[in-house]
């Protein structure tokens, strides 16, 4: 069994696998890697299937000069106990460094810091009363109970606390930045969790990074999985997941390549899972996964600059003329040895995968993004830009709706056989590597618990064979 040690965030693995120990992990993102790592430590024979040519999911990277940089920005928080516990086990804790960071808000060409009560009081786009109400909203958000917040929208909750004008000018643009035109349905619980992770308790904002980047975490997990006898298969998309006649799970990567397993943990996007199970004996299981759950994507530009833009780690850019919603200046956190000496800036645009932006060329996107950045920072010159890249991901975060807590997919699809650990289940925790690591630990705990029940009472195995006909 894997137990979270509250004081340290570390994990403890007990128990072992017997004859039935062939386990597939579908997806090589952080959830899949942590799941495979914990299972391999517990004695399972693990095979990881990753559709792309690189492990890491949203933590994938690219080489730039003599370093490896993330395609999408990443950082850690001191409260990330699940991820930090795993890094401690892997011997990486001493490679993490921490810095105070800050948040900026740009409107009509004016940059405002919003990190202290005094800075909020200076936020001139709002009246003094509205500024005070936003401050009180933050105080209330840090002390109020989360009960009932999953059933009320951010729009309603924040408008009631801060006032309609303050919502329109301050809160709404930031919700739109994350969810586009779907922001109206996002539950207040999403905001509450996110706010308290970053700003709760009035503490100064602090973020962390690891020497060598997130590639170092990915490689260390991969090496540990292999050291425990695990197998990792890249460029191996799972096309079909089905049951054999003797009730074992079979994973097809191509029509002529298939392997049978006793258990499977799926960490890949649920849209691909539903498609993989749709035409076989698991079709009824696929139907139990809420087909109404959809995902938001991102079209992200990475710029290497000769100089910095602001003192802030994250700046909300909310003017309608700007083709992205946020500027993350990672070099306010990252040390120059991790960026090849350049200033690293991410420009994020969270949009649905059906948005025309996804089909635009890199050149078109970069032209539009650069024009927007120069609009925000008129003194930025072409010579200041050393290099620029574009990366896309269609599946970043669920498009939440009220009542999502009750609708999110379960961790156990078939007791003792089929498990799920995807981004759609992390809620109400914040979608992050920490949330994914915590979910993976929970799902592996469920699997190990079922395995122990089977060992102590073989009759339980028979109970698991009625599921697909129900």
Protein backbone atom coordinates (compact mmCIF):
# COMPACT_ATOMS: atom_id res chain seq x y z
CA UNK A 1 0.00 0.00 0.00
CA UNK A 2 1.16 3.56 -0.64
CA UNK A 3 0.61 5.97 2.22
CA UNK A 4 1.01 9.73 2.14
CA UNK A 5 3.22 10.80 5.00
CA UNK A 6 1.60 14.06 6.06
CA UNK A 7 4.71 15.71 7.40
CA UNK A 8 6.95 15.00 4.43
CA UNK A 9 4.73 14.37 1.43
CA UNK A 10 6.72 11.19 0.76
CA UNK A 11 5.19 7.84 -0.11
CA UNK A 12 5.58 4.47 1.49
CA UNK A 13 5.04 1.31 -0.56
CA UNK A 14 4.10 -1.91 1.15
CA UNK A 15 2.75 -5.15 -0.21
CA UNK A 16 3.84 -7.07 -3.28
CA UNK A 17 2.43 -8.59 -6.43
CA UNK A 18 2.11 -12.29 -7.02
CA UNK A 19 1.42 -14.11 -10.27
CA UNK A 20 -1.03 -11.49 -11.60
CA UNK A 21 1.32 -8.60 -11.95
CA UNK A 22 1.36 -7.53 -15.61
CA UNK A 23 0.15 -3.94 -15.63
CA UNK A 24 -0.09 -1.49 -18.52
CA UNK A 25 0.03 2.27 -18.02
CA UNK A 26 -1.43 4.13 -20.99
CA UNK A 27 0.12 7.59 -21.27
CA UNK A 28 3.61 8.79 -20.41
CA UNK A 29 2.80 12.13 -18.80
CA UNK A 30 3.46 12.82 -15.14
CA UNK A 31 0.42 10.77 -14.00
CA UNK A 32 1.57 7.80 -16.04
CA UNK A 33 5.19 8.04 -14.95
CA UNK A 34 4.35 8.36 -11.25
CA UNK A 35 1.85 5.48 -11.52
CA UNK A 36 4.41 3.26 -13.25
CA UNK A 37 7.14 4.24 -10.79
CA UNK A 38 5.02 3.35 -7.75
CA UNK A 39 3.78 0.08 -9.27
CA UNK A 40 7.25 -0.99 -10.36
CA UNK A 41 8.53 -0.33 -6.82
CA UNK A 42 5.73 -2.54 -5.51
CA UNK A 43 6.94 -5.42 -7.69
CA UNK A 44 4.62 -5.21 -10.69
CA UNK A 45 5.78 -5.86 -14.24
CA UNK A 46 4.88 -2.50 -15.79
CA UNK A 47 4.69 -1.45 -19.42
CA UNK A 48 4.16 2.25 -20.26
CA UNK A 49 2.62 3.18 -23.61
CA UNK A 50 3.27 6.72 -24.85
CA UNK A 51 1.80 7.87 -28.16
CA UNK A 52 4.44 10.52 -28.90
CA UNK A 53 8.20 10.27 -29.19
CA UNK A 54 8.77 11.91 -25.80
CA UNK A 55 7.68 11.35 -22.21
CA UNK A 56 6.31 14.14 -20.04
CA UNK A 57 2.91 15.17 -21.45
CA UNK A 58 2.61 18.92 -20.90
CA UNK A 59 6.10 18.75 -19.43
CA UNK A 60 7.71 17.83 -22.74
CA UNK A 61 10.73 19.85 -23.71
CA UNK A 62 12.94 20.98 -26.54
CA UNK A 63 16.67 21.52 -26.73
CA UNK A 64 17.89 25.09 -26.95
CA UNK A 65 21.63 25.63 -27.10
CA UNK A 66 23.03 23.59 -24.21
CA UNK A 67 19.83 23.33 -22.12
CA UNK A 68 16.40 21.74 -22.37
CA UNK A 69 13.39 24.04 -21.98
CA UNK A 70 9.75 23.18 -21.35
CA UNK A 71 7.36 23.77 -24.24
CA UNK A 72 4.83 25.05 -21.70
CA UNK A 73 5.80 26.92 -18.55
CA UNK A 74 6.13 25.04 -15.27
CA UNK A 75 6.90 25.82 -11.66
CA UNK A 76 6.42 24.35 -8.18
CA UNK A 77 4.82 25.77 -5.06
CA UNK A 78 5.89 25.05 -1.47
CA UNK A 79 2.47 23.44 -0.88
CA UNK A 80 3.01 20.85 -3.65
CA UNK A 81 3.50 18.01 -1.20
CA UNK A 82 2.70 15.16 -3.61
CA UNK A 83 5.21 16.21 -6.24
CA UNK A 84 7.83 17.26 -3.70
CA UNK A 85 7.44 13.93 -1.92
CA UNK A 86 8.16 12.06 -5.14
CA UNK A 87 11.17 14.27 -5.85
CA UNK A 88 12.44 13.58 -2.35
CA UNK A 89 12.23 9.83 -2.98
CA UNK A 90 14.06 10.23 -6.27
CA UNK A 91 16.90 12.14 -4.60
CA UNK A 92 16.11 15.39 -6.41
CA UNK A 93 14.99 17.55 -3.50
CA UNK A 94 18.35 19.28 -3.15
CA UNK A 95 18.18 20.32 -6.82
CA UNK A 96 15.09 22.50 -6.28
CA UNK A 97 15.49 26.24 -5.74
CA UNK A 98 12.91 28.79 -4.60
CA UNK A 99 12.34 32.49 -5.24
CA UNK A 100 9.76 35.10 -4.37
CA UNK A 101 7.67 35.94 -7.42
CA UNK A 102 4.94 38.44 -8.21
CA UNK A 103 1.85 39.03 -10.32
CA UNK A 104 1.10 41.92 -12.64
CA UNK A 105 -2.05 43.15 -14.34
CA UNK A 106 -1.82 45.15 -17.56
CA UNK A 107 -4.69 47.27 -18.85
CA UNK A 108 -4.68 50.02 -21.48
CA UNK A 109 -0.89 49.92 -21.62
CA UNK A 110 -0.49 50.42 -17.88
CA UNK A 111 1.17 47.75 -15.74
CA UNK A 112 -0.08 47.31 -12.18
CA UNK A 113 1.46 45.12 -9.51
CA UNK A 114 -1.21 43.30 -7.52
CA UNK A 115 0.65 41.59 -4.72
CA UNK A 116 -0.01 43.72 -1.64
CA UNK A 117 -3.01 45.59 -0.21
CA UNK A 118 -1.28 48.88 -1.05
CA UNK A 119 -0.82 47.88 -4.69
CA UNK A 120 -4.49 46.92 -4.90
CA UNK A 121 -5.48 50.31 -3.50
CA UNK A 122 -3.46 51.93 -6.31
CA UNK A 123 -5.34 49.99 -9.01
CA UNK A 124 -6.93 53.01 -10.69
CA UNK A 125 -9.16 51.23 -13.28
CA UNK A 126 -11.53 50.54 -10.37
CA UNK A 127 -13.14 52.89 -7.88
CA UNK A 128 -11.88 52.88 -4.32
CA UNK A 129 -14.99 51.01 -3.15
CA UNK A 130 -14.46 48.34 -5.84
CA UNK A 131 -10.81 47.94 -4.86
CA UNK A 132 -11.76 47.47 -1.24
CA UNK A 133 -14.40 44.89 -2.20
CA UNK A 134 -11.84 42.94 -4.26
CA UNK A 135 -9.49 42.97 -1.28
CA UNK A 136 -12.27 41.70 0.98
CA UNK A 137 -13.08 39.03 -1.60
CA UNK A 138 -9.51 37.80 -1.30
CA UNK A 139 -9.69 37.78 2.50
CA UNK A 140 -13.01 35.92 2.46
CA UNK A 141 -11.73 33.46 -0.14
CA UNK A 142 -8.82 32.54 2.13
CA UNK A 143 -10.99 31.79 5.17
CA UNK A 144 -14.39 30.67 3.87
CA UNK A 145 -15.52 27.07 3.56
CA UNK A 146 -15.60 25.46 0.13
CA UNK A 147 -18.97 23.85 0.86
CA UNK A 148 -21.41 24.50 -1.95
CA UNK A 149 -18.90 26.27 -4.20
CA UNK A 150 -18.98 23.48 -6.77
CA UNK A 151 -22.64 24.30 -7.44
CA UNK A 152 -22.30 28.04 -7.99
CA UNK A 153 -20.47 29.72 -10.87
CA UNK A 154 -17.45 31.98 -10.50
CA UNK A 155 -19.50 34.69 -12.22
CA UNK A 156 -22.22 34.63 -9.60
CA UNK A 157 -19.96 34.16 -6.57
CA UNK A 158 -17.38 36.79 -7.49
CA UNK A 159 -19.99 39.28 -8.69
CA UNK A 160 -21.81 38.96 -5.39
CA UNK A 161 -18.63 39.46 -3.35
CA UNK A 162 -16.78 42.07 -5.44
CA UNK A 163 -19.64 43.77 -7.31
CA UNK A 164 -20.59 43.56 -10.96
CA UNK A 165 -18.27 46.33 -12.17
CA UNK A 166 -15.27 44.85 -10.36
CA UNK A 167 -16.09 41.44 -11.80
CA UNK A 168 -16.26 42.78 -15.36
CA UNK A 169 -13.00 44.74 -15.16
CA UNK A 170 -10.93 42.54 -12.86
CA UNK A 171 -12.13 38.93 -12.58
CA UNK A 172 -13.86 38.27 -15.91
CA UNK A 173 -10.80 38.88 -18.15
CA UNK A 174 -8.74 36.42 -16.13
CA UNK A 175 -11.47 33.77 -16.35
CA UNK A 176 -11.73 34.38 -20.08
CA UNK A 177 -7.96 34.03 -20.34
CA UNK A 178 -8.23 30.46 -19.06
CA UNK A 179 -11.56 29.27 -20.46
CA UNK A 180 -12.49 31.59 -23.33
CA UNK A 181 -16.23 31.89 -23.93
CA UNK A 182 -16.86 28.92 -21.59
CA UNK A 183 -15.97 30.93 -18.49
CA UNK A 184 -19.63 31.44 -17.51
CA UNK A 185 -19.97 27.80 -16.39
CA UNK A 186 -16.82 27.44 -14.28
CA UNK A 187 -17.62 26.61 -10.63
CA UNK A 188 -16.49 28.93 -7.84
CA UNK A 189 -14.69 25.95 -6.30
CA UNK A 190 -12.15 26.12 -9.14
CA UNK A 191 -11.33 29.73 -8.26
CA UNK A 192 -11.29 29.03 -4.51
CA UNK A 193 -8.77 26.20 -4.85
CA UNK A 194 -6.57 28.07 -7.28
CA UNK A 195 -6.57 31.27 -5.20
CA UNK A 196 -5.68 29.48 -1.98
CA UNK A 197 -2.89 27.53 -3.66
CA UNK A 198 -1.21 30.73 -4.87
CA UNK A 199 -2.31 33.51 -2.54
CA UNK A 200 -4.02 31.96 0.45
CA UNK A 201 -3.16 33.06 3.96
CA UNK A 202 -1.64 36.36 2.89
CA UNK A 203 1.78 34.78 2.34
CA UNK A 204 4.24 36.18 -0.17
CA UNK A 205 4.13 34.42 -3.50
CA UNK A 206 6.94 31.88 -3.80
CA UNK A 207 7.68 29.46 -6.61
CA UNK A 208 10.27 26.79 -7.29
CA UNK A 209 12.12 25.17 -10.17
CA UNK A 210 14.65 22.37 -10.51
CA UNK A 211 18.17 22.53 -11.90
CA UNK A 212 18.14 20.86 -15.29
CA UNK A 213 14.44 21.53 -15.81
CA UNK A 214 11.46 19.22 -15.75
CA UNK A 215 13.31 16.95 -18.18
CA UNK A 216 15.41 15.95 -15.20
CA UNK A 217 12.30 14.77 -13.34
CA UNK A 218 11.05 12.89 -16.40
CA UNK A 219 14.39 11.18 -17.00
CA UNK A 220 14.84 10.22 -13.34
CA UNK A 221 11.36 8.69 -13.17
CA UNK A 222 11.95 6.85 -16.45
CA UNK A 223 15.30 5.48 -15.26
CA UNK A 224 13.79 4.31 -11.97
CA UNK A 225 10.92 2.54 -13.77
CA UNK A 226 13.40 0.71 -15.99
CA UNK A 227 15.66 -0.10 -13.03
CA UNK A 228 12.70 -1.87 -11.42
CA UNK A 229 12.11 -3.93 -14.55
CA UNK A 230 9.56 -1.69 -16.24
CA UNK A 231 9.28 -1.22 -20.00
CA UNK A 232 8.60 2.12 -21.71
CA UNK A 233 7.32 2.17 -25.28
CA UNK A 234 7.39 5.45 -27.21
CA UNK A 235 5.43 6.19 -30.39
CA UNK A 236 2.99 3.51 -29.28
CA UNK A 237 -0.53 5.00 -29.38
CA UNK A 238 -3.18 2.68 -27.95
CA UNK A 239 -5.74 2.21 -30.71
CA UNK A 240 -7.97 -0.28 -28.91
CA UNK A 241 -8.50 -1.47 -25.35
CA UNK A 242 -10.62 -4.60 -24.96
CA UNK A 243 -11.25 -7.79 -23.02
CA UNK A 244 -10.08 -11.26 -23.97
CA UNK A 245 -12.30 -14.33 -23.61
CA UNK A 246 -10.63 -15.17 -20.30
CA UNK A 247 -11.43 -11.69 -18.93
CA UNK A 248 -7.98 -10.16 -19.24
CA UNK A 249 -7.33 -6.75 -20.75
CA UNK A 250 -5.72 -6.51 -24.17
CA UNK A 251 -3.93 -3.41 -25.41
CA UNK A 252 -3.67 -2.91 -29.18
CA UNK A 253 -1.13 -0.38 -30.41
CA UNK A 254 -1.60 -1.35 -34.06
CA UNK A 255 -3.85 -3.99 -35.63
CA UNK A 256 -0.97 -6.48 -35.58
CA UNK A 257 0.56 -5.52 -32.21
CA UNK A 258 -1.26 -6.42 -29.01
CA UNK A 259 -0.40 -7.46 -25.47
CA UNK A 260 -2.50 -8.93 -22.68
CA UNK A 261 -2.44 -7.49 -19.13
CA UNK A 262 -4.02 -8.23 -15.79
CA UNK A 263 -4.60 -4.55 -15.03
CA UNK A 264 -4.47 -1.26 -16.90
CA UNK A 265 -4.20 2.33 -15.68
CA UNK A 266 -5.20 4.91 -18.30
CA UNK A 267 -3.66 8.36 -17.89
CA UNK A 268 -4.14 9.56 -21.49
CA UNK A 269 -7.00 11.97 -22.38
CA UNK A 270 -10.41 10.38 -21.83
CA UNK A 271 -11.50 11.28 -25.36
CA UNK A 272 -8.95 8.82 -26.73
CA UNK A 273 -9.95 6.26 -24.08
CA UNK A 274 -13.62 6.39 -25.05
CA UNK A 275 -12.66 5.90 -28.69
CA UNK A 276 -10.36 2.97 -27.85
CA UNK A 277 -13.11 1.13 -25.93
CA UNK A 278 -16.08 2.05 -28.11
CA UNK A 279 -16.34 -1.01 -30.36
CA UNK A 280 -15.47 -3.88 -28.04
CA UNK A 281 -16.58 -5.64 -24.89
CA UNK A 282 -15.74 -2.50 -22.88
CA UNK A 283 -18.24 -0.30 -24.74
CA UNK A 284 -20.56 -0.17 -21.73
CA UNK A 285 -17.65 1.00 -19.56
CA UNK A 286 -16.86 3.74 -22.08
CA UNK A 287 -20.45 4.93 -21.87
CA UNK A 288 -20.09 5.46 -18.12
CA UNK A 289 -17.39 8.08 -18.70
CA UNK A 290 -19.20 11.39 -19.03
CA UNK A 291 -19.17 12.27 -22.72
CA UNK A 292 -20.07 15.86 -21.81
CA UNK A 293 -16.61 16.53 -20.41
CA UNK A 294 -14.51 18.56 -22.83
CA UNK A 295 -11.01 19.98 -22.64
CA UNK A 296 -9.44 23.38 -23.19
CA UNK A 297 -6.24 23.59 -25.25
CA UNK A 298 -3.41 26.08 -25.57
CA UNK A 299 -1.39 27.73 -28.33
CA UNK A 300 1.80 28.88 -26.71
CA UNK A 301 4.75 30.95 -27.96
CA UNK A 302 8.19 30.79 -26.34
CA UNK A 303 10.49 33.77 -26.83
CA UNK A 304 14.17 34.10 -26.03
CA UNK A 305 14.97 37.76 -25.34
CA UNK A 306 18.13 39.73 -24.69
CA UNK A 307 16.46 41.58 -21.82
CA UNK A 308 13.56 41.22 -19.45
CA UNK A 309 10.16 42.86 -19.79
CA UNK A 310 8.92 43.26 -16.20
CA UNK A 311 9.77 42.25 -12.67
CA UNK A 312 6.73 39.95 -12.52
CA UNK A 313 6.61 36.20 -13.09
CA UNK A 314 3.06 36.31 -14.49
CA UNK A 315 1.31 39.27 -16.10
CA UNK A 316 -2.34 39.15 -17.12
CA UNK A 317 -2.73 40.85 -20.50
CA UNK A 318 -6.45 41.47 -20.90
CA UNK A 319 -6.87 44.07 -23.63
CA UNK A 320 -9.10 42.78 -26.43
CA UNK A 321 -6.54 43.74 -29.08
CA UNK A 322 -3.91 41.45 -27.57
CA UNK A 323 -3.93 37.95 -29.17
CA UNK A 324 -2.80 36.17 -26.00
CA UNK A 325 -3.97 36.38 -22.39
CA UNK A 326 -0.84 36.11 -20.31
CA UNK A 327 2.89 36.76 -20.22
CA UNK A 328 4.99 34.41 -18.08
CA UNK A 329 8.51 35.72 -17.66
CA UNK A 330 10.16 32.56 -16.41
CA UNK A 331 13.54 34.17 -15.87
CA UNK A 332 12.17 36.01 -12.86
CA UNK A 333 12.29 32.51 -11.36
CA UNK A 334 14.71 30.41 -13.41
CA UNK A 335 18.44 30.79 -13.00
CA UNK A 336 20.37 31.72 -16.12
CA UNK A 337 22.16 28.36 -16.14
CA UNK A 338 18.76 26.76 -16.85
CA UNK A 339 17.94 29.11 -19.76
CA UNK A 340 21.28 29.24 -21.64
CA UNK A 341 21.66 32.83 -20.45
CA UNK A 342 18.62 34.26 -22.28
CA UNK A 343 15.45 35.84 -20.87
CA UNK A 344 12.69 33.29 -21.31
CA UNK A 345 9.11 34.47 -21.93
CA UNK A 346 5.96 32.41 -22.54
CA UNK A 347 2.89 33.93 -24.23
CA UNK A 348 -0.20 31.81 -23.51
CA UNK A 349 -3.47 31.64 -25.37
CA UNK A 350 -5.91 29.08 -23.95
CA UNK A 351 -8.38 28.13 -26.69
CA UNK A 352 -10.43 25.11 -27.70
CA UNK A 353 -8.79 22.75 -30.18
CA UNK A 354 -11.47 23.64 -32.75
CA UNK A 355 -10.43 27.31 -32.68
CA UNK A 356 -8.96 28.54 -36.01
CA UNK A 357 -5.78 29.46 -34.13
CA UNK A 358 -4.87 25.76 -33.94
CA UNK A 359 -4.71 25.54 -37.73
CA UNK A 360 -2.69 28.71 -38.28
CA UNK A 361 0.95 28.40 -39.21
CA UNK A 362 3.71 29.12 -36.71
CA UNK A 363 4.67 32.17 -38.76
CA UNK A 364 1.14 33.62 -38.58
CA UNK A 365 0.90 33.01 -34.85
CA UNK A 366 4.30 34.52 -34.12
CA UNK A 367 3.56 37.60 -36.20
CA UNK A 368 0.32 38.21 -34.31
CA UNK A 369 1.85 37.48 -30.90
CA UNK A 370 4.85 39.73 -31.54
CA UNK A 371 2.57 42.56 -32.64
CA UNK A 372 0.59 42.13 -29.43
CA UNK A 373 3.74 42.06 -27.30
CA UNK A 374 5.03 45.25 -28.91
CA UNK A 375 1.67 46.86 -28.21
CA UNK A 376 2.13 46.03 -24.52
CA UNK A 377 5.83 46.97 -24.51
CA UNK A 378 6.38 49.66 -27.20
CA UNK A 379 10.10 49.86 -26.49
CA UNK A 380 10.61 46.19 -27.46
CA UNK A 381 12.77 45.98 -30.57
CA UNK A 382 13.21 43.16 -33.06
CA UNK A 383 16.87 42.97 -32.06
CA UNK A 384 15.73 42.13 -28.52
CA UNK A 385 14.29 38.83 -29.77
CA UNK A 386 16.91 36.11 -30.19
CA UNK A 387 14.66 33.15 -31.01
CA UNK A 388 10.95 32.25 -31.03
CA UNK A 389 8.97 29.01 -31.11
CA UNK A 390 5.32 27.90 -31.12
CA UNK A 391 3.87 24.86 -29.35
CA UNK A 392 0.30 23.60 -29.17
CA UNK A 393 -1.58 21.18 -26.95
CA UNK A 394 -5.25 20.28 -27.51
CA UNK A 395 -5.81 18.88 -24.00
CA UNK A 396 -4.72 21.05 -21.08
CA UNK A 397 -7.56 21.36 -18.59
CA UNK A 398 -11.23 20.35 -18.42
CA UNK A 399 -13.88 22.91 -19.27
CA UNK A 400 -15.51 22.72 -15.87
CA UNK A 401 -19.23 23.15 -15.28
CA UNK A 402 -21.16 23.44 -12.03
CA UNK A 403 -21.57 20.13 -10.26
CA UNK A 404 -18.34 18.82 -11.78
CA UNK A 405 -17.29 17.23 -8.51
CA UNK A 406 -20.13 14.72 -8.85
CA UNK A 407 -19.66 14.24 -12.60
CA UNK A 408 -15.94 13.71 -12.89
CA UNK A 409 -14.87 10.18 -13.91
CA UNK A 410 -14.17 7.65 -11.15
CA UNK A 411 -10.71 6.31 -10.41
CA UNK A 412 -11.92 2.70 -10.70
CA UNK A 413 -13.71 1.74 -13.91
CA UNK A 414 -13.54 -2.02 -13.30
CA UNK A 415 -12.49 -3.11 -9.78
CA UNK A 416 -9.27 -5.06 -9.89
CA UNK A 417 -8.75 -4.44 -13.59
CA UNK A 418 -9.21 -1.01 -15.17
CA UNK A 419 -8.28 2.31 -13.56
CA UNK A 420 -8.27 5.94 -14.60
CA UNK A 421 -5.87 8.75 -13.62
CA UNK A 422 -6.41 11.70 -15.97
CA UNK A 423 -6.54 15.48 -15.87
CA UNK A 424 -10.33 15.30 -15.77
CA UNK A 425 -10.18 13.82 -12.25
CA UNK A 426 -7.75 16.17 -10.49
CA UNK A 427 -10.50 18.72 -9.68
CA UNK A 428 -11.02 20.34 -7.24
CA UNK A 429 -7.24 20.29 -6.85
CA UNK A 430 -5.43 22.61 -9.24
CA UNK A 431 -4.43 21.04 -12.56
CA UNK A 432 -0.67 20.79 -12.11
CA UNK A 433 2.08 18.24 -11.79
CA UNK A 434 1.39 18.16 -8.07
CA UNK A 435 -2.30 17.42 -8.61
CA UNK A 436 -1.43 14.74 -11.16
CA UNK A 437 1.11 13.11 -8.82
CA UNK A 438 -1.43 13.08 -5.99
CA UNK A 439 -4.07 11.51 -8.23
CA UNK A 440 -1.63 8.85 -9.41
CA UNK A 441 -0.85 7.92 -5.80
CA UNK A 442 -4.55 7.65 -5.02
CA UNK A 443 -5.27 5.44 -8.04
CA UNK A 444 -2.31 3.15 -7.36
CA UNK A 445 -3.53 2.85 -3.77
CA UNK A 446 -6.92 1.70 -5.10
CA UNK A 447 -5.26 -0.85 -7.36
CA UNK A 448 -3.04 -2.22 -4.59
CA UNK A 449 -5.99 -2.42 -2.22
CA UNK A 450 -7.98 -4.46 -4.74
CA UNK A 451 -4.95 -6.67 -5.34
CA UNK A 452 -4.64 -7.44 -1.63
CA UNK A 453 -8.32 -8.30 -1.44
CA UNK A 454 -7.89 -10.77 -4.27
CA UNK A 455 -4.90 -12.38 -2.54
CA UNK A 456 -6.75 -12.79 0.76
CA UNK A 457 -10.03 -13.91 -0.83
CA UNK A 458 -9.75 -15.43 -4.33
CA UNK A 459 -13.55 -15.38 -4.60
CA UNK A 460 -13.29 -11.63 -5.14
CA UNK A 461 -11.74 -12.32 -8.51
CA UNK A 462 -15.00 -13.91 -9.64
CA UNK A 463 -16.93 -10.81 -8.57
CA UNK A 464 -14.92 -8.72 -10.99
CA UNK A 465 -16.10 -10.76 -13.98
CA UNK A 466 -19.69 -9.52 -14.02
CA UNK A 467 -18.92 -5.87 -14.64
CA UNK A 468 -18.93 -5.73 -18.46
CA UNK A 469 -22.44 -7.16 -18.75
CA UNK A 470 -23.96 -4.77 -16.21
